[in-house]
Protein backbone atom coordinates (compact mmCIF):
# COMPACT_ATOMS: atom_id res chain seq x y z
CA MET A 1 0.00 0.00 0.00
CA LYS A 2 1.21 3.50 -0.79
CA VAL A 3 1.17 6.32 1.75
CA LYS A 4 -1.38 8.24 -0.31
CA GLU A 5 -3.71 5.20 -0.18
CA LEU A 6 -3.33 5.02 3.59
CA ALA A 7 -4.22 8.71 3.84
CA GLN A 8 -7.52 7.98 2.10
CA MET A 9 -8.54 5.32 4.61
CA GLN A 10 -11.13 6.24 7.20
CA GLY A 11 -9.55 7.50 10.41
CA PHE A 12 -6.38 8.91 8.81
CA LYS A 13 -5.61 12.54 7.98
CA THR A 14 -2.70 13.98 5.99
CA VAL A 15 -0.38 16.46 7.69
CA SER A 16 2.57 16.31 5.28
CA MET A 17 2.77 14.28 2.07
CA PRO A 18 5.71 15.21 -0.15
CA ASP A 19 6.09 11.57 -1.28
CA GLY A 20 2.66 9.93 -1.36
CA GLU A 21 3.91 7.26 -3.80
CA ARG A 22 6.14 5.76 -1.09
CA GLU A 23 5.29 2.10 -0.52
CA ILE A 24 4.60 0.92 3.05
CA GLY A 25 6.34 -2.36 3.79
CA GLY A 26 5.61 -2.82 7.49
CA VAL A 27 4.63 -1.12 10.73
CA TYR A 28 6.74 -0.05 13.70
CA ILE A 29 5.34 1.38 16.95
CA GLY A 30 7.65 3.30 19.26
CA ASP A 31 8.11 6.54 21.16
CA LEU A 32 11.73 6.31 22.30
CA LEU A 33 13.49 8.00 19.40
CA SER A 34 16.87 6.28 19.80
CA TRP A 35 15.08 2.92 19.91
CA VAL A 36 13.17 3.72 16.71
CA MET A 37 16.37 4.80 14.95
CA GLY A 38 17.94 1.43 15.62
CA ARG A 39 14.94 -0.82 15.06
CA ALA A 40 12.47 0.64 12.56
CA LYS A 41 13.01 -0.72 9.07
CA ALA A 42 13.12 1.19 5.82
CA ASP A 43 9.61 1.58 4.39
CA ASP A 44 7.88 1.02 7.76
CA ALA A 45 4.94 3.17 8.75
CA TRP A 46 6.18 4.48 12.11
CA ILE A 47 3.42 5.00 14.68
CA THR A 48 4.15 7.31 17.61
CA ILE A 49 2.64 9.93 19.89
CA MET A 50 5.82 12.04 19.83
CA SER A 51 5.35 15.35 18.06
CA ASN A 52 8.58 17.30 18.43
CA ILE A 53 10.89 18.25 15.58
CA ASN A 54 13.16 15.27 16.23
CA ILE A 55 10.64 12.83 14.75
CA VAL A 56 11.42 14.22 11.30
CA ALA A 57 15.14 13.54 11.72
CA VAL A 58 14.51 10.02 13.04
CA ALA A 59 12.12 9.18 10.20
CA SER A 60 14.68 10.43 7.71
CA LEU A 61 17.53 8.44 9.28
CA ALA A 62 15.46 5.26 9.57
CA ASP A 63 14.05 5.81 6.06
CA THR A 64 10.47 5.13 7.16
CA ALA A 65 7.69 5.50 4.60
CA CYS A 66 5.75 7.78 6.93
CA ILE A 67 5.14 8.86 10.49
CA ILE A 68 1.67 8.32 11.90
CA LEU A 69 0.74 10.33 14.96
CA ALA A 70 -1.70 8.16 16.92
CA GLU A 71 -4.44 9.26 19.32
CA GLY A 72 -5.13 12.51 17.48
CA VAL A 73 -1.74 14.07 18.24
CA GLU A 74 -1.22 17.28 16.29
CA LEU A 75 1.95 18.99 15.03
CA ASP A 76 3.23 22.54 15.17
CA ALA A 77 3.37 24.28 11.81
CA ALA A 78 7.17 24.45 12.05
CA VAL A 79 7.43 20.65 12.30
CA THR A 80 5.10 20.26 9.32
CA GLU A 81 7.23 22.69 7.29
CA THR A 82 10.39 20.79 8.16
CA ALA A 83 8.76 17.47 7.24
CA ASN A 84 7.80 18.83 3.83
CA ALA A 85 11.31 20.20 3.30
CA LYS A 86 12.91 16.89 4.32
CA ASN A 87 10.50 14.79 2.22
CA VAL A 88 8.91 13.08 5.27
CA ASN A 89 5.26 11.97 5.06
CA ILE A 90 3.20 12.53 8.22
CA LEU A 91 -0.35 11.40 8.93
CA THR A 92 -2.52 11.51 12.03
CA ALA A 93 -4.96 8.93 13.33
CA ASP A 94 -7.50 9.31 16.12
CA MET A 95 -7.09 5.63 17.02
CA PRO A 96 -4.65 4.28 19.63
CA ALA A 97 -1.36 2.96 18.25
CA TYR A 98 -2.41 -0.70 18.35
CA GLU A 99 -5.64 -0.10 16.43
CA THR A 100 -3.76 2.08 13.94
CA ALA A 101 -1.24 -0.70 13.35
CA MET A 102 -4.00 -3.26 12.92
CA ALA A 103 -5.76 -1.07 10.33
CA ILE A 104 -2.55 -0.76 8.33
CA GLY A 105 -1.55 -4.41 8.77
CA ALA A 106 -4.84 -5.55 7.29
CA LYS A 107 -4.02 -3.66 4.07
CA ILE A 108 -0.35 -4.52 3.48
């Protein structure tokens, strides 16, 4: 499934999508940024509740397909701008992380 297809699913909202054609290959859930950097795989959809600027750097380093902010977490405009500039896709979901992962897992 591509990130743009995920964004069209019920319960997901686009925050930043400079590369909607990016293919999602798996799902990773984590909030400890150093842990995510070492364990998330390239092309994973990374689910987190973290919303500071560092998520953009971690997603870029880990080469994730997108970041999904679970539980309705919102971003500052500055983080959104940086994500667009760094080619990092970000979506939000009102669901808890587990339910978000299950929704994605059913489609990939």
